[in-house]
Structures are given as structure tokens and as C-alpha cells.
Amino acid sequence: MNLARAIHFDESDTQVFHSPARTGEWVISGGFEFSNWGEGDLSGKARQAFSNGWLGLETFGRVTFVAVTKIEPAEYEALLTQLSQHFVDIYGAPSLEAARPVAIDELAHMVDLCDDHEPNILLTVARELTESGVAEAYRVLDPPEASLDILAVHGDLEEGP
């Protein structure tokens, strides 16, 4: 089974996200964080997190690039518990048991996204608000494609909605 880990080519994520993910931590899309956001929420670093940030599962920080890699069953189980606890602590789920199915769905979505790719393939996410909610699109980058010209694609932190 494959999942993805945060990867950094430079220090830009420390500048564009309020809370950057740690290099090497497991990640998921994390689009659920923006499920009730509107245009008024999209400014500065929050806009950057919404636009192209994956969610780290240790720090719950954001990262721009992730690399597909194999995950062991025990690691996956630990992530389920960690994400379930996050749903209890941050989103008010009534219990770990109630949060677990949502955590399973979130991790399964990421596994589905990663399982068709070889290890070390890079992924990016792009989000936009639509009338029906948050839409996500994913881009697959072979490691040779990951050149410096794509690493500096970040919005203006002072730009408004």
C-alpha cells in the first residue's frame, strides 16, 4: 500500500504556510479543513494553505509537495488513531469510535490517489471554491520534471480575495 510523505526542496513552505508540515511526515489532502470556508477566508497564508497545501499527520501543518512511498500496516493503523484523535480534539467528534470512519475515509482517499504511482512520484494539489464546495485537482510529477521552475509557484501573501 502507498501513501505520501511531505517533501521540501527549499524553505518556501516555512514562509507561505502558518504552520508548515515537517519533512517526512505522512500526509493526506486535508481538504476537509476548508469545507465551510468562503471567499472571505481566503487571504494571505490561509489562501496558500487552501490553494495548494497537503495536511501533515504529525504537525497538522501544510506542505506543497509530497512524494509517494510505501506504508506499513502498523504505520497506517497509527495514522488512523492519530487522525481520529485530531477529529475529536479539533473538530469536536464525540469519540474516537465516531471519528474513526471519517479518518478511514480520509486515509483511503489518499491511498487511492497514491496506489497507482511508483515510489518517489511527486504530487501537488490545487483547490478552488465552487458553488458545490471545495474542488480538488491533483498533479503528478515524475522526479525529473520536478525542476526549480515549479518550486516557486506561490501566491502573493498580501493579495486579498
C-alpha atoms as a PDB file:
ATOM      1  CA  MET A   1       0.000   0.000   0.000  1.00  0.00           C
ATOM      2  CA  ASN A   2       1.241   3.511  -0.823  1.00  0.00           C
ATOM      3  CA  LEU A   3       0.723   6.827   0.922  1.00  0.00           C
ATOM      4  CA  ALA A   4       2.638  10.105   0.678  1.00  0.00           C
ATOM      5  CA  ARG A   5       5.183  11.930   2.791  1.00  0.00           C
ATOM      6  CA  ALA A   6       5.944  15.645   2.972  1.00  0.00           C
ATOM      7  CA  ILE A   7       8.934  16.703   0.918  1.00  0.00           C
ATOM      8  CA  HIS A   8      10.729  20.045   0.770  1.00  0.00           C
ATOM      9  CA  PHE A   9      13.067  21.305  -1.927  1.00  0.00           C
ATOM     10  CA  ASP A  10      13.692  24.614  -0.203  1.00  0.00           C
ATOM     11  CA  GLU A  11      12.438  26.696   2.729  1.00  0.00           C
ATOM     12  CA  SER A  12       9.482  28.282   0.915  1.00  0.00           C
ATOM     13  CA  ASP A  13       6.826  26.332   2.863  1.00  0.00           C
ATOM     14  CA  THR A  14       8.112  27.895   6.092  1.00  0.00           C
ATOM     15  CA  GLN A  15       7.369  31.284   4.551  1.00  0.00           C
ATOM     16  CA  VAL A  16       3.979  30.659   2.928  1.00  0.00           C
ATOM     17  CA  PHE A  17       2.127  28.490   5.465  1.00  0.00           C
ATOM     18  CA  HIS A  18       1.154  29.492   9.019  1.00  0.00           C
ATOM     19  CA  SER A  19       2.226  26.043  10.148  1.00  0.00           C
ATOM     20  CA  PRO A  20       4.455  24.076   7.758  1.00  0.00           C
ATOM     21  CA  ALA A  21       4.494  20.289   7.821  1.00  0.00           C
ATOM     22  CA  ARG A  22       7.681  18.536   8.837  1.00  0.00           C
ATOM     23  CA  THR A  23       9.746  16.892   6.098  1.00  0.00           C
ATOM     24  CA  GLY A  24       8.989  13.168   6.006  1.00  0.00           C
ATOM     25  CA  GLU A  25       5.697  13.168   7.884  1.00  0.00           C
ATOM     26  CA  TRP A  26       2.781  11.283   6.363  1.00  0.00           C
ATOM     27  CA  VAL A  27       0.213  13.484   4.612  1.00  0.00           C
ATOM     28  CA  ILE A  28      -3.334  13.481   3.312  1.00  0.00           C
ATOM     29  CA  SER A  29      -5.201  16.023   1.230  1.00  0.00           C
ATOM     30  CA  GLY A  30      -6.840  17.600   4.270  1.00  0.00           C
ATOM     31  CA  GLY A  31      -9.426  19.453   2.195  1.00  0.00           C
ATOM     32  CA  PHE A  32     -11.999  18.823   4.937  1.00  0.00           C
ATOM     33  CA  GLU A  33     -10.435  21.719   6.853  1.00  0.00           C
ATOM     34  CA  PHE A  34     -11.873  24.104   4.266  1.00  0.00           C
ATOM     35  CA  SER A  35     -15.354  22.583   3.942  1.00  0.00           C
ATOM     36  CA  ASN A  36     -17.177  25.630   5.280  1.00  0.00           C
ATOM     37  CA  TRP A  37     -14.806  28.337   4.053  1.00  0.00           C
ATOM     38  CA  GLY A  38     -15.879  31.204   1.826  1.00  0.00           C
ATOM     39  CA  GLU A  39     -14.020  33.773  -0.252  1.00  0.00           C
ATOM     40  CA  GLY A  40     -13.595  35.938   2.850  1.00  0.00           C
ATOM     41  CA  ASP A  41     -11.442  33.245   4.449  1.00  0.00           C
ATOM     42  CA  LEU A  42      -9.000  33.179   1.544  1.00  0.00           C
ATOM     43  CA  SER A  43      -6.279  35.704   2.190  1.00  0.00           C
ATOM     44  CA  GLY A  44      -2.564  35.584   2.940  1.00  0.00           C
ATOM     45  CA  LYS A  45      -1.186  32.342   4.319  1.00  0.00           C
ATOM     46  CA  ALA A  46      -4.670  30.875   4.727  1.00  0.00           C
ATOM     47  CA  ARG A  47      -5.175  31.285   0.973  1.00  0.00           C
ATOM     48  CA  GLN A  48      -1.920  29.461   0.321  1.00  0.00           C
ATOM     49  CA  ALA A  49      -2.906  26.568   2.608  1.00  0.00           C
ATOM     50  CA  PHE A  50      -6.263  26.342   0.859  1.00  0.00           C
ATOM     51  CA  SER A  51      -4.855  26.669  -2.650  1.00  0.00           C
ATOM     52  CA  ASN A  52      -2.160  24.017  -2.562  1.00  0.00           C
ATOM     53  CA  GLY A  53      -1.389  22.663   0.914  1.00  0.00           C
ATOM     54  CA  TRP A  54      -1.375  18.987   1.813  1.00  0.00           C
ATOM     55  CA  LEU A  55      -2.030  18.221   5.514  1.00  0.00           C
ATOM     56  CA  GLY A  56       0.719  16.594   7.596  1.00  0.00           C
ATOM     57  CA  LEU A  57      -0.489  13.986  10.063  1.00  0.00           C
ATOM     58  CA  GLU A  58       2.025  14.717  12.833  1.00  0.00           C
ATOM     59  CA  THR A  59       2.129  18.500  12.949  1.00  0.00           C
ATOM     60  CA  PHE A  60      -1.157  19.099  11.082  1.00  0.00           C
ATOM     61  CA  GLY A  61       0.827  21.700   9.167  1.00  0.00           C
ATOM     62  CA  ARG A  62       0.794  22.170   5.399  1.00  0.00           C
ATOM     63  CA  VAL A  63       3.254  21.259   2.635  1.00  0.00           C
ATOM     64  CA  THR A  64       3.308  21.977  -1.108  1.00  0.00           C
ATOM     65  CA  PHE A  65       4.917  18.780  -2.437  1.00  0.00           C
ATOM     66  CA  VAL A  66       4.511  15.170  -1.391  1.00  0.00           C
ATOM     67  CA  ALA A  67       6.290  12.012  -2.531  1.00  0.00           C
ATOM     68  CA  VAL A  68       4.568   8.653  -2.887  1.00  0.00           C
ATOM     69  CA  THR A  69       6.067   5.926  -0.719  1.00  0.00           C
ATOM     70  CA  LYS A  70       5.125   2.569   0.754  1.00  0.00           C
ATOM     71  CA  ILE A  71       3.484   2.457   4.175  1.00  0.00           C
ATOM     72  CA  GLU A  72       3.495  -0.477   6.558  1.00  0.00           C
ATOM     73  CA  PRO A  73       0.200  -1.696   8.066  1.00  0.00           C
ATOM     74  CA  ALA A  74       1.281  -0.766  11.602  1.00  0.00           C
ATOM     75  CA  GLU A  75       2.110   2.783  10.480  1.00  0.00           C
ATOM     76  CA  TYR A  76      -1.259   3.040   8.754  1.00  0.00           C
ATOM     77  CA  GLU A  77      -3.077   1.936  11.925  1.00  0.00           C
ATOM     78  CA  ALA A  78      -1.167   4.506  13.978  1.00  0.00           C
ATOM     79  CA  LEU A  79      -2.200   7.217  11.489  1.00  0.00           C
ATOM     80  CA  LEU A  80      -5.854   6.164  11.788  1.00  0.00           C
ATOM     81  CA  THR A  81      -5.668   6.610  15.536  1.00  0.00           C
ATOM     82  CA  GLN A  82      -3.817   9.920  15.252  1.00  0.00           C
ATOM     83  CA  LEU A  83      -6.250  11.352  12.694  1.00  0.00           C
ATOM     84  CA  SER A  84      -9.256  10.119  14.695  1.00  0.00           C
ATOM     85  CA  GLN A  85      -7.878  11.888  17.768  1.00  0.00           C
ATOM     86  CA  HIS A  86      -7.410  15.062  15.699  1.00  0.00           C
ATOM     87  CA  PHE A  87     -11.093  14.922  14.726  1.00  0.00           C
ATOM     88  CA  VAL A  88     -12.020  14.640  18.411  1.00  0.00           C
ATOM     89  CA  ASP A  89      -9.641  17.356  19.609  1.00  0.00           C
ATOM     90  CA  ILE A  90     -10.087  19.926  16.826  1.00  0.00           C
ATOM     91  CA  TYR A  91     -13.429  19.212  15.162  1.00  0.00           C
ATOM     92  CA  GLY A  92     -15.457  18.054  18.154  1.00  0.00           C
ATOM     93  CA  ALA A  93     -16.129  14.440  17.198  1.00  0.00           C
ATOM     94  CA  PRO A  94     -17.800  12.860  20.232  1.00  0.00           C
ATOM     95  CA  SER A  95     -15.374   9.922  20.475  1.00  0.00           C
ATOM     96  CA  LEU A  96     -12.544   8.091  18.754  1.00  0.00           C
ATOM     97  CA  GLU A  97     -15.051   5.453  17.669  1.00  0.00           C
ATOM     98  CA  ALA A  98     -17.234   8.084  15.999  1.00  0.00           C
ATOM     99  CA  ALA A  99     -14.235   9.750  14.346  1.00  0.00           C
ATOM    100  CA  ARG A 100     -12.613   6.562  13.062  1.00  0.00           C
ATOM    101  CA  PRO A 101     -14.853   6.033   9.977  1.00  0.00           C
ATOM    102  CA  VAL A 102     -14.099   9.589   8.829  1.00  0.00           C
ATOM    103  CA  ALA A 103     -10.373   9.027   9.379  1.00  0.00           C
ATOM    104  CA  ILE A 104     -10.623   5.766   7.422  1.00  0.00           C
ATOM    105  CA  ASP A 105     -12.287   7.617   4.518  1.00  0.00           C
ATOM    106  CA  GLU A 106      -9.654  10.370   4.503  1.00  0.00           C
ATOM    107  CA  LEU A 107      -6.749   7.924   4.530  1.00  0.00           C
ATOM    108  CA  ALA A 108      -8.425   5.649   1.957  1.00  0.00           C
ATOM    109  CA  HIS A 109      -8.790   8.628  -0.391  1.00  0.00           C
ATOM    110  CA  MET A 110      -5.046   9.292  -0.138  1.00  0.00           C
ATOM    111  CA  VAL A 111      -4.172   5.607  -0.578  1.00  0.00           C
ATOM    112  CA  ASP A 112      -6.350   5.527  -3.718  1.00  0.00           C
ATOM    113  CA  LEU A 113      -4.537   8.597  -5.019  1.00  0.00           C
ATOM    114  CA  CYS A 114      -1.082   7.113  -4.313  1.00  0.00           C
ATOM    115  CA  ASP A 115      -1.528   3.416  -5.093  1.00  0.00           C
ATOM    116  CA  ASP A 116      -1.375   3.869  -8.873  1.00  0.00           C
ATOM    117  CA  HIS A 117       2.050   5.502  -8.638  1.00  0.00           C
ATOM    118  CA  GLU A 118       5.559   4.248  -8.137  1.00  0.00           C
ATOM    119  CA  PRO A 119       7.521   5.383  -5.070  1.00  0.00           C
ATOM    120  CA  ASN A 120       9.127   8.835  -5.362  1.00  0.00           C
ATOM    121  CA  ILE A 121       6.489  10.203  -7.722  1.00  0.00           C
ATOM    122  CA  LEU A 122       5.673  13.758  -6.623  1.00  0.00           C
ATOM    123  CA  LEU A 123       2.124  15.062  -6.201  1.00  0.00           C
ATOM    124  CA  THR A 124       0.661  18.524  -5.872  1.00  0.00           C
ATOM    125  CA  VAL A 125      -2.883  19.597  -5.040  1.00  0.00           C
ATOM    126  CA  ALA A 126      -4.847  22.599  -6.274  1.00  0.00           C
ATOM    127  CA  ARG A 127      -8.121  23.683  -4.693  1.00  0.00           C
ATOM    128  CA  GLU A 128     -10.827  26.123  -5.636  1.00  0.00           C
ATOM    129  CA  LEU A 129     -14.158  27.127  -4.183  1.00  0.00           C
ATOM    130  CA  THR A 130     -17.132  26.181  -6.322  1.00  0.00           C
ATOM    131  CA  GLU A 131     -20.870  26.555  -5.840  1.00  0.00           C
ATOM    132  CA  SER A 132     -20.980  22.959  -4.593  1.00  0.00           C
ATOM    133  CA  GLY A 133     -18.000  23.291  -2.230  1.00  0.00           C
ATOM    134  CA  VAL A 134     -14.255  22.735  -2.427  1.00  0.00           C
ATOM    135  CA  ALA A 135     -12.927  21.145  -5.624  1.00  0.00           C
ATOM    136  CA  GLU A 136      -9.528  19.476  -5.611  1.00  0.00           C
ATOM    137  CA  ALA A 137      -7.308  18.623  -8.574  1.00  0.00           C
ATOM    138  CA  TYR A 138      -4.066  16.675  -8.394  1.00  0.00           C
ATOM    139  CA  ARG A 139      -0.944  16.867 -10.499  1.00  0.00           C
ATOM    140  CA  VAL A 140       1.558  14.040 -10.849  1.00  0.00           C
ATOM    141  CA  LEU A 141       5.206  14.950 -11.377  1.00  0.00           C
ATOM    142  CA  ASP A 142       7.892  12.438 -12.267  1.00  0.00           C
ATOM    143  CA  PRO A 143      11.048  13.269 -10.325  1.00  0.00           C
ATOM    144  CA  PRO A 144      12.885  14.521 -13.476  1.00  0.00           C
ATOM    145  CA  GLU A 145      10.026  17.007 -14.037  1.00  0.00           C
ATOM    146  CA  ALA A 146      10.489  18.494 -10.579  1.00  0.00           C
ATOM    147  CA  SER A 147      12.788  21.313 -11.522  1.00  0.00           C
ATOM    148  CA  LEU A 148      13.342  24.644  -9.822  1.00  0.00           C
ATOM    149  CA  ASP A 149      10.927  26.499 -12.099  1.00  0.00           C
ATOM    150  CA  ILE A 150       7.949  24.750 -10.448  1.00  0.00           C
ATOM    151  CA  LEU A 151       9.130  25.258  -6.903  1.00  0.00           C
ATOM    152  CA  ALA A 152       8.456  28.965  -6.736  1.00  0.00           C
ATOM    153  CA  VAL A 153       4.766  28.841  -7.649  1.00  0.00           C
ATOM    154  CA  HIS A 154       3.307  30.602  -4.619  1.00  0.00           C
ATOM    155  CA  GLY A 155       0.767  33.386  -4.436  1.00  0.00           C
ATOM    156  CA  ASP A 156       1.270  36.883  -3.093  1.00  0.00           C
ATOM    157  CA  LEU A 157       0.789  36.716   0.667  1.00  0.00           C
ATOM    158  CA  GLU A 158      -0.544  40.271   0.746  1.00  0.00           C
ATOM    159  CA  GLU A 159      -3.081  39.726  -2.004  1.00  0.00           C
ATOM    160  CA  GLY A 160      -6.704  39.841  -0.897  1.00  0.00           C
ATOM    161  CA  PRO A 161      -9.534  37.569  -2.062  1.00  0.00           C
END
